[in-house]
Amino acid sequence: MGASDRDLLRALNNVIKNRGGMAVVTDEYEKSIPLPVAGLMTDMDGLEVAERYKEIDRLAKEIGSSISAPFMTLSFMALTVIPSLKLSDRGLFDSERLRFVDLFDVEYAYA
């Protein structure tokens, strides 16, 4: 998370460097929770993860997020089954028809 394009790019690069995770970045700080195990899990102590999560959640809200659980919301947005059309790393996915969609398939758009 970040409040500017520059901060978002730095947060993204942080997640890439950590091989997965969550990050919040501003000019003053760069805080993250690395999730290097398949990009989804950590090998860190659970209590440390909980403390870091509280901190990045608080910081995300300080930079302007009005969502009660911003990182949880972002996590669910990445699921290809929510909503009916979702852009994934493999392309546009239709979760109702359970198939990838050609972005330029005009017939699909009117089906």
N, C-alpha and C. Protein backbone atom coordinates (compact mmCIF):
# COMPACT_ATOMS: atom_id res chain seq x y z
N MET A 1 0.84 -1.17 0.00
CA MET A 1 0.00 0.00 0.00
C MET A 1 0.88 1.23 0.00
N GLY A 2 0.34 2.25 -0.61
CA GLY A 2 1.00 3.53 -0.66
C GLY A 2 0.01 4.58 -1.08
N ALA A 3 0.34 5.84 -0.88
CA ALA A 3 -0.58 6.93 -1.19
C ALA A 3 -0.20 7.65 -2.48
N SER A 4 0.84 7.21 -3.15
CA SER A 4 1.24 7.82 -4.43
C SER A 4 1.74 6.71 -5.35
N ASP A 5 1.84 7.03 -6.63
CA ASP A 5 2.36 6.03 -7.58
C ASP A 5 3.76 5.59 -7.17
N ARG A 6 4.58 6.52 -6.74
CA ARG A 6 5.95 6.20 -6.33
C ARG A 6 5.95 5.24 -5.14
N ASP A 7 5.11 5.52 -4.16
CA ASP A 7 5.04 4.66 -2.98
C ASP A 7 4.50 3.27 -3.34
N LEU A 8 3.51 3.23 -4.21
CA LEU A 8 2.96 1.94 -4.65
C LEU A 8 4.02 1.11 -5.36
N LEU A 9 4.83 1.75 -6.20
CA LEU A 9 5.91 1.05 -6.89
C LEU A 9 6.93 0.51 -5.89
N ARG A 10 7.26 1.31 -4.90
CA ARG A 10 8.20 0.86 -3.86
C ARG A 10 7.61 -0.30 -3.07
N ALA A 11 6.31 -0.25 -2.76
CA ALA A 11 5.65 -1.34 -2.03
C ALA A 11 5.68 -2.62 -2.88
N LEU A 12 5.38 -2.48 -4.16
CA LEU A 12 5.41 -3.64 -5.05
C LEU A 12 6.80 -4.24 -5.13
N ASN A 13 7.81 -3.40 -5.26
CA ASN A 13 9.19 -3.90 -5.30
C ASN A 13 9.59 -4.57 -3.99
N ASN A 14 9.06 -4.07 -2.88
CA ASN A 14 9.30 -4.69 -1.59
C ASN A 14 8.73 -6.10 -1.55
N VAL A 15 7.51 -6.25 -2.03
CA VAL A 15 6.86 -7.57 -2.05
C VAL A 15 7.63 -8.52 -2.97
N ILE A 16 8.08 -8.03 -4.12
CA ILE A 16 8.87 -8.86 -5.04
C ILE A 16 10.17 -9.28 -4.36
N LYS A 17 10.85 -8.34 -3.72
CA LYS A 17 12.12 -8.63 -3.03
C LYS A 17 11.92 -9.69 -1.93
N ASN A 18 10.78 -9.61 -1.24
CA ASN A 18 10.49 -10.56 -0.16
C ASN A 18 9.87 -11.86 -0.65
N ARG A 19 9.71 -11.98 -1.96
CA ARG A 19 9.11 -13.18 -2.58
C ARG A 19 7.70 -13.43 -2.07
N GLY A 20 6.95 -12.32 -1.93
CA GLY A 20 5.57 -12.37 -1.44
C GLY A 20 5.45 -11.55 -0.17
N GLY A 21 4.24 -11.14 0.14
CA GLY A 21 4.05 -10.44 1.40
C GLY A 21 3.10 -9.28 1.30
N MET A 22 3.17 -8.44 2.32
CA MET A 22 2.34 -7.24 2.43
C MET A 22 3.28 -6.10 2.81
N ALA A 23 3.03 -4.93 2.22
CA ALA A 23 3.90 -3.80 2.51
C ALA A 23 3.11 -2.50 2.48
N VAL A 24 3.56 -1.55 3.28
CA VAL A 24 3.03 -0.19 3.26
C VAL A 24 4.24 0.73 3.24
N VAL A 25 4.20 1.70 2.31
CA VAL A 25 5.38 2.53 2.06
C VAL A 25 4.97 4.00 1.97
N THR A 26 5.78 4.86 2.57
CA THR A 26 5.68 6.31 2.40
C THR A 26 7.10 6.83 2.26
N ASP A 27 7.24 8.16 2.14
CA ASP A 27 8.59 8.74 2.10
C ASP A 27 9.33 8.48 3.40
N GLU A 28 8.60 8.36 4.52
CA GLU A 28 9.22 8.21 5.83
C GLU A 28 9.55 6.78 6.21
N TYR A 29 8.83 5.80 5.67
CA TYR A 29 9.06 4.42 6.10
C TYR A 29 8.68 3.41 5.02
N GLU A 30 9.17 2.20 5.22
CA GLU A 30 8.85 1.05 4.38
C GLU A 30 8.72 -0.14 5.32
N LYS A 31 7.48 -0.53 5.61
CA LYS A 31 7.22 -1.62 6.55
C LYS A 31 6.57 -2.78 5.81
N SER A 32 6.93 -4.00 6.19
CA SER A 32 6.37 -5.14 5.47
C SER A 32 6.33 -6.40 6.34
N ILE A 33 5.58 -7.36 5.82
CA ILE A 33 5.58 -8.71 6.36
C ILE A 33 5.96 -9.61 5.19
N PRO A 34 7.17 -10.16 5.18
CA PRO A 34 7.56 -11.06 4.10
C PRO A 34 6.76 -12.37 4.17
N LEU A 35 6.33 -12.86 3.02
CA LEU A 35 5.63 -14.15 2.93
C LEU A 35 6.34 -14.99 1.87
N PRO A 36 7.55 -15.47 2.18
CA PRO A 36 8.38 -16.14 1.18
C PRO A 36 7.98 -17.58 0.85
N VAL A 37 7.13 -18.18 1.64
CA VAL A 37 6.73 -19.57 1.39
C VAL A 37 5.55 -19.55 0.41
N ALA A 38 5.84 -19.80 -0.86
CA ALA A 38 4.85 -19.77 -1.95
C ALA A 38 4.19 -18.40 -2.08
N GLY A 39 4.78 -17.36 -1.54
CA GLY A 39 4.21 -16.03 -1.60
C GLY A 39 2.99 -15.84 -0.73
N LEU A 40 2.69 -16.85 0.10
CA LEU A 40 1.46 -16.83 0.90
C LEU A 40 1.68 -17.02 2.39
N MET A 41 2.80 -17.62 2.76
CA MET A 41 3.04 -17.94 4.17
C MET A 41 4.43 -17.46 4.59
N THR A 42 4.62 -17.41 5.90
CA THR A 42 5.89 -16.97 6.45
C THR A 42 6.47 -18.03 7.37
N ASP A 43 7.76 -17.92 7.58
CA ASP A 43 8.42 -18.80 8.54
C ASP A 43 8.72 -18.03 9.84
N MET A 44 8.15 -16.83 9.95
CA MET A 44 8.36 -16.01 11.14
C MET A 44 7.50 -16.50 12.29
N ASP A 45 7.88 -16.12 13.50
CA ASP A 45 7.11 -16.42 14.70
C ASP A 45 5.74 -15.74 14.62
N GLY A 46 4.70 -16.44 15.02
CA GLY A 46 3.33 -15.93 14.94
C GLY A 46 3.12 -14.64 15.70
N LEU A 47 3.74 -14.50 16.86
CA LEU A 47 3.58 -13.27 17.64
C LEU A 47 4.21 -12.08 16.92
N GLU A 48 5.36 -12.32 16.27
CA GLU A 48 6.00 -11.25 15.51
C GLU A 48 5.15 -10.85 14.31
N VAL A 49 4.57 -11.84 13.65
CA VAL A 49 3.69 -11.55 12.51
C VAL A 49 2.50 -10.73 12.97
N ALA A 50 1.89 -11.09 14.10
CA ALA A 50 0.74 -10.36 14.62
C ALA A 50 1.10 -8.91 14.91
N GLU A 51 2.27 -8.68 15.51
CA GLU A 51 2.70 -7.31 15.82
C GLU A 51 2.95 -6.52 14.54
N ARG A 52 3.61 -7.15 13.57
CA ARG A 52 3.86 -6.46 12.30
C ARG A 52 2.56 -6.16 11.57
N TYR A 53 1.62 -7.10 11.63
CA TYR A 53 0.34 -6.88 10.95
C TYR A 53 -0.40 -5.70 11.57
N LYS A 54 -0.41 -5.63 12.90
CA LYS A 54 -1.05 -4.49 13.57
C LYS A 54 -0.42 -3.18 13.11
N GLU A 55 0.92 -3.19 12.99
CA GLU A 55 1.62 -1.98 12.60
C GLU A 55 1.29 -1.57 11.16
N ILE A 56 1.35 -2.51 10.20
CA ILE A 56 1.08 -2.11 8.82
C ILE A 56 -0.40 -1.77 8.62
N ASP A 57 -1.28 -2.41 9.37
CA ASP A 57 -2.70 -2.08 9.30
C ASP A 57 -2.91 -0.63 9.77
N ARG A 58 -2.29 -0.29 10.89
CA ARG A 58 -2.39 1.07 11.43
C ARG A 58 -1.81 2.09 10.45
N LEU A 59 -0.65 1.77 9.87
CA LEU A 59 -0.01 2.69 8.93
C LEU A 59 -0.83 2.87 7.66
N ALA A 60 -1.44 1.81 7.17
CA ALA A 60 -2.29 1.90 5.98
C ALA A 60 -3.46 2.85 6.24
N LYS A 61 -4.01 2.78 7.42
CA LYS A 61 -5.12 3.68 7.77
C LYS A 61 -4.64 5.11 7.95
N GLU A 62 -3.42 5.28 8.46
CA GLU A 62 -2.87 6.62 8.64
C GLU A 62 -2.63 7.32 7.30
N ILE A 63 -2.31 6.56 6.26
CA ILE A 63 -2.07 7.20 4.96
C ILE A 63 -3.35 7.37 4.14
N GLY A 64 -4.51 6.96 4.71
CA GLY A 64 -5.76 7.28 4.07
C GLY A 64 -6.74 6.15 3.81
N SER A 65 -6.38 4.91 4.10
CA SER A 65 -7.34 3.82 3.87
C SER A 65 -8.49 3.93 4.85
N SER A 66 -9.71 3.91 4.32
CA SER A 66 -10.89 3.96 5.18
C SER A 66 -11.52 2.57 5.35
N ILE A 67 -10.87 1.57 4.77
CA ILE A 67 -11.36 0.19 4.86
C ILE A 67 -10.96 -0.38 6.22
N SER A 68 -11.86 -1.11 6.86
CA SER A 68 -11.57 -1.62 8.20
C SER A 68 -10.44 -2.66 8.20
N ALA A 69 -10.30 -3.43 7.14
CA ALA A 69 -9.22 -4.42 7.05
C ALA A 69 -8.61 -4.33 5.64
N PRO A 70 -7.77 -3.32 5.40
CA PRO A 70 -7.28 -3.08 4.03
C PRO A 70 -6.49 -4.25 3.43
N PHE A 71 -5.64 -4.89 4.19
CA PHE A 71 -4.84 -5.98 3.62
C PHE A 71 -5.69 -7.23 3.36
N MET A 72 -6.67 -7.48 4.21
CA MET A 72 -7.59 -8.60 3.97
C MET A 72 -8.39 -8.34 2.69
N THR A 73 -8.84 -7.11 2.51
CA THR A 73 -9.59 -6.75 1.32
C THR A 73 -8.74 -6.96 0.07
N LEU A 74 -7.50 -6.50 0.10
CA LEU A 74 -6.61 -6.69 -1.05
C LEU A 74 -6.36 -8.17 -1.32
N SER A 75 -6.26 -8.97 -0.28
CA SER A 75 -6.03 -10.41 -0.45
C SER A 75 -7.19 -11.06 -1.18
N PHE A 76 -8.42 -10.68 -0.82
CA PHE A 76 -9.58 -11.27 -1.49
C PHE A 76 -9.75 -10.76 -2.91
N MET A 77 -9.32 -9.53 -3.17
CA MET A 77 -9.43 -9.00 -4.52
C MET A 77 -8.59 -9.79 -5.51
N ALA A 78 -7.54 -10.44 -5.02
CA ALA A 78 -6.66 -11.22 -5.90
C ALA A 78 -7.25 -12.57 -6.28
N LEU A 79 -8.28 -13.02 -5.60
CA LEU A 79 -8.88 -14.32 -5.92
C LEU A 79 -9.59 -14.26 -7.26
N THR A 80 -9.32 -15.22 -8.14
CA THR A 80 -9.92 -15.20 -9.48
C THR A 80 -11.39 -15.56 -9.47
N VAL A 81 -11.94 -16.02 -8.35
CA VAL A 81 -13.35 -16.39 -8.31
C VAL A 81 -14.26 -15.24 -7.85
N ILE A 82 -13.69 -14.09 -7.51
CA ILE A 82 -14.47 -12.96 -7.02
C ILE A 82 -14.12 -11.74 -7.86
N PRO A 83 -14.97 -11.02 -8.49
CA PRO A 83 -16.33 -11.34 -8.88
C PRO A 83 -16.34 -12.21 -10.13
N SER A 84 -17.24 -11.98 -11.08
CA SER A 84 -17.36 -12.88 -12.23
C SER A 84 -16.18 -12.77 -13.19
N LEU A 85 -15.63 -11.60 -13.41
CA LEU A 85 -14.46 -11.44 -14.26
C LEU A 85 -13.31 -10.91 -13.42
N LYS A 86 -12.14 -11.54 -13.56
CA LYS A 86 -11.00 -11.14 -12.74
C LYS A 86 -9.74 -11.19 -13.58
N LEU A 87 -8.90 -10.18 -13.46
CA LEU A 87 -7.62 -10.16 -14.15
C LEU A 87 -6.59 -10.83 -13.26
N SER A 88 -5.97 -11.89 -13.77
CA SER A 88 -4.96 -12.62 -13.00
C SER A 88 -3.62 -12.54 -13.72
N ASP A 89 -2.60 -13.15 -13.14
CA ASP A 89 -1.29 -13.16 -13.77
C ASP A 89 -1.29 -13.98 -15.06
N ARG A 90 -2.32 -14.78 -15.30
CA ARG A 90 -2.42 -15.59 -16.51
C ARG A 90 -3.40 -15.02 -17.52
N GLY A 91 -4.11 -13.94 -17.18
CA GLY A 91 -5.05 -13.32 -18.09
C GLY A 91 -6.38 -13.08 -17.43
N LEU A 92 -7.38 -12.73 -18.25
CA LEU A 92 -8.73 -12.45 -17.77
C LEU A 92 -9.47 -13.77 -17.56
N PHE A 93 -10.02 -13.97 -16.34
CA PHE A 93 -10.67 -15.23 -15.99
C PHE A 93 -12.14 -15.00 -15.69
N ASP A 94 -12.99 -15.83 -16.29
CA ASP A 94 -14.43 -15.80 -16.05
C ASP A 94 -14.77 -16.90 -15.06
N SER A 95 -15.10 -16.52 -13.82
CA SER A 95 -15.35 -17.52 -12.79
C SER A 95 -16.73 -18.16 -12.92
N GLU A 96 -17.63 -17.57 -13.69
CA GLU A 96 -18.93 -18.19 -13.91
C GLU A 96 -18.84 -19.31 -14.94
N ARG A 97 -18.01 -19.10 -15.97
CA ARG A 97 -17.82 -20.12 -17.02
C ARG A 97 -16.57 -20.96 -16.79
N LEU A 98 -15.78 -20.58 -15.76
CA LEU A 98 -14.56 -21.29 -15.38
C LEU A 98 -13.59 -21.45 -16.55
N ARG A 99 -13.29 -20.31 -17.17
CA ARG A 99 -12.34 -20.33 -18.28
C ARG A 99 -11.72 -18.95 -18.45
N PHE A 100 -10.55 -18.95 -19.09
CA PHE A 100 -9.90 -17.69 -19.41
C PHE A 100 -10.57 -17.09 -20.64
N VAL A 101 -10.58 -15.77 -20.72
CA VAL A 101 -11.27 -15.05 -21.77
C VAL A 101 -10.26 -14.28 -22.60
N ASP A 102 -10.42 -14.34 -23.92
CA ASP A 102 -9.61 -13.53 -24.83
C ASP A 102 -10.07 -12.08 -24.70
N LEU A 103 -9.16 -11.18 -24.41
CA LEU A 103 -9.51 -9.78 -24.21
C LEU A 103 -10.15 -9.16 -25.44
N PHE A 104 -9.91 -9.72 -26.61
CA PHE A 104 -10.41 -9.14 -27.86
C PHE A 104 -11.52 -9.98 -28.48
N ASP A 105 -12.15 -10.86 -27.71
CA ASP A 105 -13.25 -11.69 -28.19
C ASP A 105 -14.54 -10.89 -28.14
N VAL A 106 -14.90 -10.27 -29.26
CA VAL A 106 -16.08 -9.42 -29.34
C VAL A 106 -17.34 -10.21 -29.08
N GLU A 107 -17.43 -11.45 -29.56
CA GLU A 107 -18.62 -12.26 -29.35
C GLU A 107 -18.85 -12.54 -27.87
N TYR A 108 -17.77 -12.75 -27.12
CA TYR A 108 -17.88 -13.00 -25.68
C TYR A 108 -18.52 -11.81 -24.98
N ALA A 109 -18.15 -10.61 -25.38
CA ALA A 109 -18.64 -9.39 -24.73
C ALA A 109 -20.16 -9.25 -24.82
N TYR A 110 -20.74 -9.82 -25.86
CA TYR A 110 -22.19 -9.69 -26.06
C TYR A 110 -22.95 -10.97 -25.77
N ALA A 111 -22.26 -11.97 -25.23
CA ALA A 111 -22.92 -13.25 -24.94
C ALA A 111 -23.76 -13.18 -23.68
